[in-house]
Amino acid sequence: MNTLLLLTAMLVLATGVAAQATPPDTFTVAEAVRIALAANPMLRAARSGATAAAQRIGPAGALPDPQLQIGLMNRMAADFGATDDPMTMNQVQLMQMLPWPGKLGGARRAARHTAAAATADADEQQRMLAAQVRMAYFDVAFADRALVGMERTRELLREFATVATTMYAVGSGIQQDVLRAQVEVARMGEEIARMAQMRLAAAARLNALLGRDATVPVAAVELPDVAAADLAPLDSLLAGAVAHRPALRAGAERVAASEAAFGAARRELFPDLSVGAVYQQRPQFPAMMSLMVGINLPIFAGARQLPMRREAAAMRDMSQAELLNLQNETMARVVETRARAEQDRNLVRLYGGSILPQARSAVQAALSSYRAGRVTFMTLVDNQMTVNRYEIETFRLLADYHQTMGELAALTGRPLDEEAQP
């Protein structure tokens, strides 16, 4: 009888465990995101790539380096040091190539838009990194809560086994109930071991995103309840994604870069101008000066300039198609992610407000009925396993809700609420 009273008390206490208080030393998701943004190697690489792209703007629009030539001209082979011939001279020549107007400007614009695209790519990498951190973080949070629930269920199953053993010893139970209880305890131990490995893997994945060694311990993490406020309207989220997602901005910059490159490629058929000056110092005679002007002749346009133009046109069409595809994909992902977040939120509220309380009441009723011999032991165990399953599913839905909120923040390019803000 004392065992049954203790077990009943444990069941009553277990009803409030789903909404666990956050320990004061919790490793928060905001802290995890801050660490990742400061230490993640791939984000540093993306930022360095944007810096490198910005340094290409100046060289792209700069004139080619001038050529300086120095020569000893018209020396006699038999007497190289002789300077009596009027044609013998020491020559200094300076040449500068001047591209056709618009070529350098197009190249500079293309480089500037490419650098802007690289900067937007780094911003997108930062947003996606924050979403990935939240994904791994709430996987750890789910595993922690699930392990607590599983341990609690295993303790209850052990108490059920004690009740079954006691009733079997006094002749009011059967041995099959004792064996079934022992099997369920062992099965729950197996589930706990599997969940512990999932937690280990999620912690390693989180550490990698934070730029830390995979074996660094991850302290207790938070798993807030679903937000009380409603989700932002779909049309607002779609408008935010179009206006603020860095990946779309990067795509638009690549289209502009390809347009500028195409404009420069169209001018490749026009000749470049070369100008030069020559100073000729003659040892025995007056010095001489020469001025030169030249152009390149695009006589191989069919093999060089025209294919370059067609390539630039194809790259422009490709960048436009990629931007359109990215826009469509972004819209679809926003719709899908918001739908998943709303489903998770509604199911969490349904489980917490209706299903779980009823399932726990069913366990308490089954325990009293089993003690009176009105239900089988298998019914008692099945009811408790149902509670365990709904508790774990609640934690999974709650973690998935926060993960989808982080993904929405990344897709729309701005924080949606305080929980999703980095």
Protein backbone atom coordinates (compact mmCIF):
# COMPACT_ATOMS: atom_id res chain seq x y z
CA MET A 1 0.00 0.00 0.00
CA ASN A 2 2.83 2.43 0.85
CA THR A 3 4.41 1.73 -2.52
CA LEU A 4 1.14 2.51 -4.29
CA LEU A 5 0.78 5.78 -2.39
CA LEU A 6 4.35 6.77 -3.26
CA LEU A 7 3.77 5.93 -6.90
CA THR A 8 0.58 8.00 -7.00
CA ALA A 9 2.45 10.96 -5.53
CA MET A 10 5.15 10.63 -8.19
CA LEU A 11 2.52 10.65 -10.92
CA VAL A 12 0.96 13.81 -9.50
CA LEU A 13 4.35 15.55 -9.34
CA ALA A 14 5.16 14.47 -12.92
CA THR A 15 2.22 16.40 -14.37
CA GLY A 16 4.03 19.74 -14.10
CA VAL A 17 7.43 18.78 -15.42
CA ALA A 18 6.77 19.60 -19.07
CA ALA A 19 7.08 23.33 -18.38
CA GLN A 20 10.48 23.28 -16.73
CA ALA A 21 12.01 26.42 -15.32
CA THR A 22 15.22 27.61 -16.93
CA PRO A 23 18.22 27.25 -14.62
CA PRO A 24 20.00 30.52 -13.83
CA ASP A 25 23.22 29.34 -15.51
CA THR A 26 21.53 28.46 -18.81
CA PHE A 27 23.54 28.82 -22.02
CA THR A 28 21.10 30.99 -23.98
CA VAL A 29 20.46 30.89 -27.70
CA ALA A 30 21.33 34.59 -28.01
CA GLU A 31 24.73 33.91 -26.47
CA ALA A 32 25.28 30.98 -28.83
CA VAL A 33 24.48 33.14 -31.85
CA ARG A 34 26.84 35.88 -30.65
CA ILE A 35 29.68 33.40 -30.26
CA ALA A 36 29.06 31.95 -33.71
CA LEU A 37 28.99 35.34 -35.41
CA ALA A 38 32.31 36.21 -33.81
CA ALA A 39 34.15 32.89 -34.21
CA ASN A 40 32.69 30.82 -37.05
CA PRO A 41 35.45 30.16 -39.64
CA MET A 42 33.13 30.04 -42.67
CA LEU A 43 31.62 33.41 -41.78
CA ARG A 44 35.11 34.89 -41.47
CA ALA A 45 35.93 33.39 -44.88
CA ALA A 46 32.81 34.98 -46.41
CA ARG A 47 33.68 38.37 -44.96
CA SER A 48 37.26 38.07 -46.20
CA GLY A 49 35.93 37.16 -49.64
CA ALA A 50 33.80 40.33 -49.64
CA THR A 51 36.84 42.39 -48.65
CA ALA A 52 38.87 40.82 -51.46
CA ALA A 53 36.11 41.54 -53.99
CA ALA A 54 36.02 45.19 -52.93
CA GLN A 55 39.74 45.46 -53.64
CA ARG A 56 39.15 44.44 -57.27
CA ILE A 57 37.08 47.53 -58.08
CA GLY A 58 40.03 49.89 -58.46
CA PRO A 59 42.18 47.61 -60.63
CA ALA A 60 39.21 46.80 -62.88
CA GLY A 61 38.82 50.44 -63.92
CA ALA A 62 42.47 51.43 -64.00
CA LEU A 63 44.45 52.10 -67.17
CA PRO A 64 47.00 49.48 -68.21
CA ASP A 65 50.50 50.20 -67.00
CA PRO A 66 52.56 52.25 -69.48
CA GLN A 67 55.55 50.65 -71.14
CA LEU A 68 59.02 52.16 -70.87
CA GLN A 69 61.68 50.89 -73.28
CA ILE A 70 65.37 51.76 -73.44
CA GLY A 71 67.47 50.71 -76.37
CA LEU A 72 70.85 51.16 -78.05
CA MET A 73 69.86 51.57 -81.66
CA ASN A 74 71.72 51.01 -84.93
CA ARG A 75 75.10 50.00 -83.52
CA MET A 76 77.64 48.54 -85.94
CA ALA A 77 78.22 44.87 -85.40
CA ALA A 78 81.96 45.14 -86.16
CA ASP A 79 82.48 48.04 -83.75
CA PHE A 80 79.62 48.17 -81.24
CA GLY A 81 81.04 51.17 -79.40
CA ALA A 82 81.38 53.39 -82.46
CA THR A 83 79.01 56.38 -82.61
CA ASP A 84 80.06 58.06 -85.86
CA ASP A 85 77.06 56.91 -87.89
CA PRO A 86 74.13 59.36 -87.93
CA MET A 87 71.72 56.47 -87.32
CA THR A 88 73.41 55.43 -84.08
CA MET A 89 71.39 56.57 -81.10
CA ASN A 90 70.38 55.83 -77.52
CA GLN A 91 66.59 55.59 -77.42
CA VAL A 92 63.99 56.01 -74.63
CA GLN A 93 60.41 55.10 -75.57
CA LEU A 94 57.22 55.50 -73.50
CA MET A 95 53.94 53.87 -74.63
CA GLN A 96 50.43 54.02 -73.14
CA MET A 97 47.40 52.01 -74.24
CA LEU A 98 44.02 53.81 -73.94
CA PRO A 99 41.01 51.45 -74.07
CA TRP A 100 37.96 52.48 -76.06
CA PRO A 101 35.65 54.72 -74.00
CA GLY A 102 33.26 52.63 -71.90
CA LYS A 103 35.43 49.53 -71.60
CA LEU A 104 37.04 50.48 -68.31
CA GLY A 105 33.82 51.99 -66.99
CA GLY A 106 31.93 48.77 -67.71
CA ALA A 107 34.62 46.69 -66.05
CA ARG A 108 34.58 48.97 -63.00
CA ARG A 109 30.79 48.77 -62.71
CA ALA A 110 30.89 45.00 -63.04
CA ALA A 111 33.53 44.77 -60.30
CA ARG A 112 31.56 47.13 -58.05
CA HIS A 113 28.36 45.11 -58.40
CA THR A 114 30.30 41.86 -57.90
CA ALA A 115 31.77 43.25 -54.68
CA ALA A 116 28.30 44.29 -53.51
CA ALA A 117 27.09 40.76 -54.26
CA ALA A 118 29.95 39.31 -52.20
CA THR A 119 29.01 41.59 -49.30
CA ALA A 120 25.39 40.48 -49.55
CA ASP A 121 26.55 36.85 -49.66
CA ALA A 122 28.44 37.43 -46.41
CA ASP A 123 25.27 38.90 -44.88
CA GLU A 124 23.32 35.86 -46.08
CA GLN A 125 25.97 33.59 -44.60
CA GLN A 126 25.57 35.39 -41.29
CA ARG A 127 21.80 34.95 -41.37
CA MET A 128 22.00 31.30 -42.30
CA LEU A 129 24.65 30.69 -39.65
CA ALA A 130 22.31 32.11 -37.01
CA ALA A 131 19.57 29.78 -38.27
CA GLN A 132 21.93 26.79 -38.20
CA VAL A 133 23.01 27.64 -34.66
CA ARG A 134 19.37 27.73 -33.57
CA MET A 135 18.79 24.41 -35.33
CA ALA A 136 21.61 22.66 -33.46
CA TYR A 137 20.89 24.53 -30.22
CA PHE A 138 17.26 23.45 -30.04
CA ASP A 139 18.20 19.90 -31.02
CA VAL A 140 20.30 19.88 -27.84
CA ALA A 141 17.42 21.44 -25.89
CA PHE A 142 15.00 18.79 -27.17
CA ALA A 143 17.39 15.97 -26.26
CA ASP A 144 17.85 17.36 -22.74
CA ARG A 145 14.11 17.58 -22.09
CA ALA A 146 13.46 14.21 -23.67
CA LEU A 147 16.13 12.59 -21.49
CA VAL A 148 14.54 14.06 -18.36
CA GLY A 149 11.13 12.77 -19.42
CA MET A 150 12.49 9.34 -20.28
CA GLU A 151 14.30 9.06 -16.96
CA ARG A 152 11.11 9.98 -15.16
CA THR A 153 9.16 7.39 -17.15
CA ARG A 154 11.78 4.74 -16.40
CA GLU A 155 11.48 5.47 -12.68
CA LEU A 156 7.72 5.14 -12.89
CA LEU A 157 8.07 1.85 -14.78
CA ARG A 158 10.39 0.60 -12.06
CA GLU A 159 7.76 1.54 -9.50
CA PHE A 160 5.16 -0.29 -11.61
CA ALA A 161 7.48 -3.30 -11.56
CA THR A 162 7.68 -3.04 -7.76
CA VAL A 163 3.88 -2.93 -7.53
CA ALA A 164 3.55 -5.93 -9.87
CA THR A 165 6.17 -7.87 -7.91
CA THR A 166 4.45 -7.09 -4.59
CA MET A 167 1.04 -8.10 -5.91
CA TYR A 168 2.51 -11.28 -7.39
CA ALA A 169 4.15 -12.12 -4.04
CA VAL A 170 0.83 -11.83 -2.17
CA GLY A 171 -1.01 -13.80 -4.83
CA SER A 172 -3.07 -10.98 -6.32
CA GLY A 173 -0.93 -10.55 -9.44
CA ILE A 174 0.59 -12.71 -12.14
CA GLN A 175 4.19 -13.33 -13.10
CA GLN A 176 3.59 -12.09 -16.64
CA ASP A 177 3.06 -8.57 -15.24
CA VAL A 178 6.44 -8.70 -13.51
CA LEU A 179 8.20 -9.84 -16.69
CA ARG A 180 6.43 -7.22 -18.79
CA ALA A 181 7.49 -4.49 -16.37
CA GLN A 182 11.12 -5.60 -16.52
CA VAL A 183 11.02 -5.62 -20.34
CA GLU A 184 9.58 -2.10 -20.44
CA VAL A 185 12.26 -0.82 -18.06
CA ALA A 186 14.96 -2.32 -20.29
CA ARG A 187 13.39 -0.86 -23.43
CA MET A 188 13.26 2.57 -21.86
CA GLY A 189 16.93 2.25 -20.95
CA GLU A 190 17.67 1.56 -24.61
CA GLU A 191 15.70 4.66 -25.66
CA ILE A 192 17.61 6.75 -23.13
CA ALA A 193 20.94 5.53 -24.48
CA ARG A 194 19.86 6.36 -28.03
CA MET A 195 18.70 9.84 -27.04
CA ALA A 196 21.96 10.45 -25.17
CA GLN A 197 23.89 9.76 -28.39
CA MET A 198 21.62 12.12 -30.29
CA ARG A 199 22.36 14.79 -27.70
CA LEU A 200 26.09 14.18 -28.07
CA ALA A 201 25.89 14.56 -31.85
CA ALA A 202 23.81 17.74 -31.63
CA ALA A 203 26.25 19.26 -29.12
CA ALA A 204 29.18 18.46 -31.43
CA ARG A 205 27.34 20.08 -34.35
CA LEU A 206 26.64 23.17 -32.23
CA ASN A 207 30.27 23.41 -31.14
CA ALA A 208 31.42 23.25 -34.77
CA LEU A 209 29.15 26.19 -35.65
CA LEU A 210 30.50 28.11 -32.68
CA GLY A 211 34.06 27.58 -33.88
CA ARG A 212 34.90 25.35 -30.91
CA ASP A 213 36.24 21.85 -30.46
CA ALA A 214 33.53 19.22 -30.81
CA THR A 215 34.23 17.85 -27.33
CA VAL A 216 33.62 21.12 -25.46
CA PRO A 217 30.78 20.49 -22.98
CA VAL A 218 27.52 22.30 -23.77
CA ALA A 219 25.83 23.50 -20.62
CA ALA A 220 22.10 23.50 -19.92
CA VAL A 221 20.18 25.19 -22.72
CA GLU A 222 16.81 26.89 -22.81
CA LEU A 223 13.60 25.78 -24.53
CA PRO A 224 11.07 28.61 -24.16
CA ASP A 225 7.37 28.01 -24.48
CA VAL A 226 5.63 28.98 -27.72
CA ALA A 227 5.18 32.70 -28.18
CA ALA A 228 1.87 34.06 -26.99
CA ALA A 229 1.60 36.46 -29.93
CA ASP A 230 0.40 35.26 -33.30
CA LEU A 231 2.80 34.74 -36.17
CA ALA A 232 3.34 37.61 -38.57
CA PRO A 233 0.94 37.60 -41.54
CA LEU A 234 2.14 35.72 -44.59
CA ASP A 235 2.01 38.72 -46.90
CA SER A 236 4.17 40.69 -44.46
CA LEU A 237 6.73 37.88 -44.37
CA LEU A 238 6.81 37.62 -48.17
CA ALA A 239 7.27 41.36 -48.55
CA GLY A 240 10.04 41.28 -45.96
CA ALA A 241 11.82 38.48 -47.79
CA VAL A 242 11.71 40.36 -51.11
CA ALA A 243 12.91 43.59 -49.54
CA HIS A 244 15.46 42.37 -47.03
CA ARG A 245 16.83 38.90 -47.79
CA PRO A 246 20.57 39.33 -48.51
CA ALA A 247 20.64 36.44 -51.00
CA LEU A 248 18.10 38.23 -53.21
CA ARG A 249 20.12 41.40 -52.98
CA ALA A 250 23.21 39.45 -54.01
CA GLY A 251 21.34 37.99 -56.97
CA ALA A 252 20.23 41.44 -58.11
CA GLU A 253 23.82 42.71 -57.84
CA ARG A 254 25.03 39.80 -59.97
CA VAL A 255 22.46 40.66 -62.62
CA ALA A 256 23.72 44.26 -62.61
CA ALA A 257 27.33 43.02 -62.81
CA SER A 258 26.52 40.79 -65.77
CA GLU A 259 24.74 43.69 -67.52
CA ALA A 260 27.83 45.87 -67.06
CA ALA A 261 30.09 43.06 -68.28
CA PHE A 262 27.90 42.59 -71.34
CA GLY A 263 28.10 46.31 -72.12
CA ALA A 264 31.88 46.16 -71.90
CA ALA A 265 31.99 43.02 -74.06
CA ARG A 266 29.98 44.77 -76.80
CA ARG A 267 32.74 47.39 -77.00
CA GLU A 268 35.47 44.80 -77.53
CA LEU A 269 35.02 45.19 -81.30
CA PHE A 270 36.09 48.83 -81.07
CA PRO A 271 39.87 49.34 -81.31
CA ASP A 272 41.99 50.50 -78.41
CA LEU A 273 44.31 53.46 -78.91
CA SER A 274 48.01 53.40 -78.19
CA VAL A 275 50.04 56.61 -77.91
CA GLY A 276 53.75 56.97 -77.37
CA ALA A 277 56.73 59.29 -77.37
CA VAL A 278 60.34 58.47 -78.26
CA TYR A 279 63.47 60.41 -77.36
CA GLN A 280 66.51 59.53 -79.49
CA GLN A 281 69.88 60.77 -78.30
CA ARG A 282 72.57 60.68 -81.01
CA PRO A 283 76.13 61.02 -79.63
CA GLN A 284 77.61 62.89 -82.62
CA PHE A 285 74.48 64.62 -83.90
CA PRO A 286 71.44 66.51 -82.60
CA ALA A 287 68.85 64.57 -80.62
CA MET A 288 65.55 63.58 -82.18
CA MET A 289 61.93 63.12 -80.94
CA SER A 290 59.15 60.89 -82.27
CA LEU A 291 55.42 60.69 -81.49
CA MET A 292 53.39 57.57 -82.27
CA VAL A 293 49.70 56.66 -82.40
CA GLY A 294 48.36 53.15 -83.05
CA ILE A 295 45.24 51.04 -82.82
CA ASN A 296 44.67 47.33 -82.57
CA LEU A 297 42.88 45.69 -85.48
CA PRO A 298 40.10 43.22 -84.45
CA ILE A 299 40.58 41.09 -87.55
CA PHE A 300 39.99 37.89 -85.55
CA ALA A 301 36.66 39.05 -84.11
CA GLY A 302 34.95 35.83 -85.10
CA ALA A 303 37.33 33.84 -82.92
CA ARG A 304 37.78 36.31 -80.07
CA GLN A 305 35.52 39.35 -79.59
CA LEU A 306 32.23 37.88 -80.80
CA PRO A 307 32.48 34.74 -78.62
CA MET A 308 33.28 37.03 -75.68
CA ARG A 309 30.10 38.99 -76.41
CA ARG A 310 28.01 35.82 -76.64
CA GLU A 311 29.54 34.55 -73.39
CA ALA A 312 28.65 37.80 -71.61
CA ALA A 313 25.09 37.60 -72.94
CA ALA A 314 24.76 34.02 -71.73
CA MET A 315 26.13 34.95 -68.28
CA ARG A 316 23.61 37.80 -68.11
CA ASP A 317 20.74 35.45 -68.96
CA MET A 318 22.02 32.90 -66.43
CA SER A 319 22.18 35.47 -63.62
CA GLN A 320 18.64 36.66 -64.42
CA ALA A 321 17.30 33.09 -64.40
CA GLU A 322 19.10 32.33 -61.13
CA LEU A 323 17.62 35.42 -59.50
CA LEU A 324 14.11 34.49 -60.63
CA ASN A 325 14.56 30.95 -59.33
CA LEU A 326 15.87 32.25 -56.00
CA GLN A 327 12.89 34.57 -55.66
CA ASN A 328 10.46 31.73 -56.30
CA GLU A 329 12.31 29.41 -53.95
CA THR A 330 12.38 32.06 -51.23
CA MET A 331 8.63 32.63 -51.50
CA ALA A 332 7.96 28.89 -51.32
CA ARG A 333 10.24 28.42 -48.33
CA VAL A 334 8.64 31.31 -46.45
CA VAL A 335 5.18 29.84 -47.02
CA GLU A 336 6.30 26.34 -46.06
CA THR A 337 8.27 27.45 -42.99
CA ARG A 338 5.51 29.65 -41.64
CA ALA A 339 3.00 26.84 -42.10
CA ARG A 340 5.26 24.49 -40.18
CA ALA A 341 5.73 27.03 -37.39
CA GLU A 342 1.98 27.55 -37.08
CA GLN A 343 1.38 23.80 -37.03
CA ASP A 344 4.03 23.28 -34.35
CA ARG A 345 2.63 26.10 -32.20
CA ASN A 346 -0.95 24.82 -32.43
CA LEU A 347 0.05 21.23 -31.65
CA VAL A 348 2.13 22.31 -28.64
CA ARG A 349 -0.86 24.18 -27.28
CA LEU A 350 -3.15 21.24 -27.99
CA TYR A 351 -0.84 18.71 -26.33
CA GLY A 352 -0.13 20.90 -23.31
CA GLY A 353 -3.69 22.07 -22.77
CA SER A 354 -5.68 18.94 -23.53
CA ILE A 355 -4.00 15.71 -24.57
CA LEU A 356 -1.24 15.47 -21.95
CA PRO A 357 -3.47 16.27 -18.93
CA GLN A 358 -5.96 13.67 -20.11
CA ALA A 359 -3.24 11.10 -20.71
CA ARG A 360 -1.80 11.65 -17.23
CA SER A 361 -5.26 11.35 -15.70
CA ALA A 362 -5.68 8.09 -17.59
CA VAL A 363 -2.48 6.74 -15.97
CA GLN A 364 -3.69 7.63 -12.48
CA ALA A 365 -7.07 6.05 -13.18
CA ALA A 366 -5.41 2.93 -14.60
CA LEU A 367 -3.20 2.63 -11.52
CA SER A 368 -6.23 2.69 -9.20
CA SER A 369 -8.08 0.25 -11.43
CA TYR A 370 -5.08 -2.09 -11.60
CA ARG A 371 -4.84 -2.09 -7.82
CA ALA A 372 -8.53 -3.05 -7.69
CA GLY A 373 -8.04 -5.69 -10.39
CA ARG A 374 -10.27 -3.99 -12.97
CA VAL A 375 -7.60 -3.44 -15.69
CA THR A 376 -4.58 -5.41 -16.77
CA PHE A 377 -1.01 -4.40 -16.10
CA MET A 378 -0.46 -3.96 -19.84
CA THR A 379 -3.13 -1.24 -19.86
CA LEU A 380 -1.31 0.61 -17.08
CA VAL A 381 2.02 0.40 -18.90
CA ASP A 382 0.51 1.37 -22.24
CA ASN A 383 -1.10 4.43 -20.68
CA GLN A 384 2.22 5.54 -19.18
CA MET A 385 4.06 4.99 -22.45
CA THR A 386 1.41 7.12 -24.16
CA VAL A 387 2.18 9.93 -21.73
CA ASN A 388 5.89 9.50 -22.43
CA ARG A 389 5.33 9.60 -26.18
CA TYR A 390 3.22 12.77 -26.05
CA GLU A 391 5.69 14.50 -23.73
CA ILE A 392 8.60 13.78 -26.08
CA GLU A 393 6.53 14.85 -29.08
CA THR A 394 5.68 18.10 -27.29
CA PHE A 395 9.37 18.81 -26.73
CA ARG A 396 10.10 17.96 -30.36
CA LEU A 397 7.36 20.29 -31.63
CA LEU A 398 8.51 23.06 -29.31
CA ALA A 399 12.11 22.75 -30.52
CA ASP A 400 10.97 22.64 -34.13
CA TYR A 401 8.89 25.78 -33.61
CA HIS A 402 11.93 27.76 -32.45
CA GLN A 403 14.00 26.31 -35.29
CA THR A 404 11.45 27.42 -37.88
CA MET A 405 11.32 30.88 -36.33
CA GLY A 406 15.07 31.13 -36.79
CA GLU A 407 14.73 29.99 -40.39
CA LEU A 408 12.04 32.60 -41.02
CA ALA A 409 14.34 35.27 -39.61
CA ALA A 410 17.06 34.19 -42.04
CA LEU A 411 14.72 34.08 -45.03
CA THR A 412 13.21 37.50 -44.40
CA GLY A 413 16.55 39.10 -43.58
CA ARG A 414 15.39 40.60 -40.30
CA PRO A 415 14.37 39.42 -36.82
CA LEU A 416 10.72 38.50 -36.48
CA ASP A 417 10.47 38.67 -32.69
CA GLU A 418 12.68 38.89 -29.63
CA GLU A 419 13.27 35.14 -29.50
CA ALA A 420 14.50 35.07 -33.10
CA GLN A 421 16.67 38.17 -32.79
CA PRO A 422 20.44 37.47 -32.89
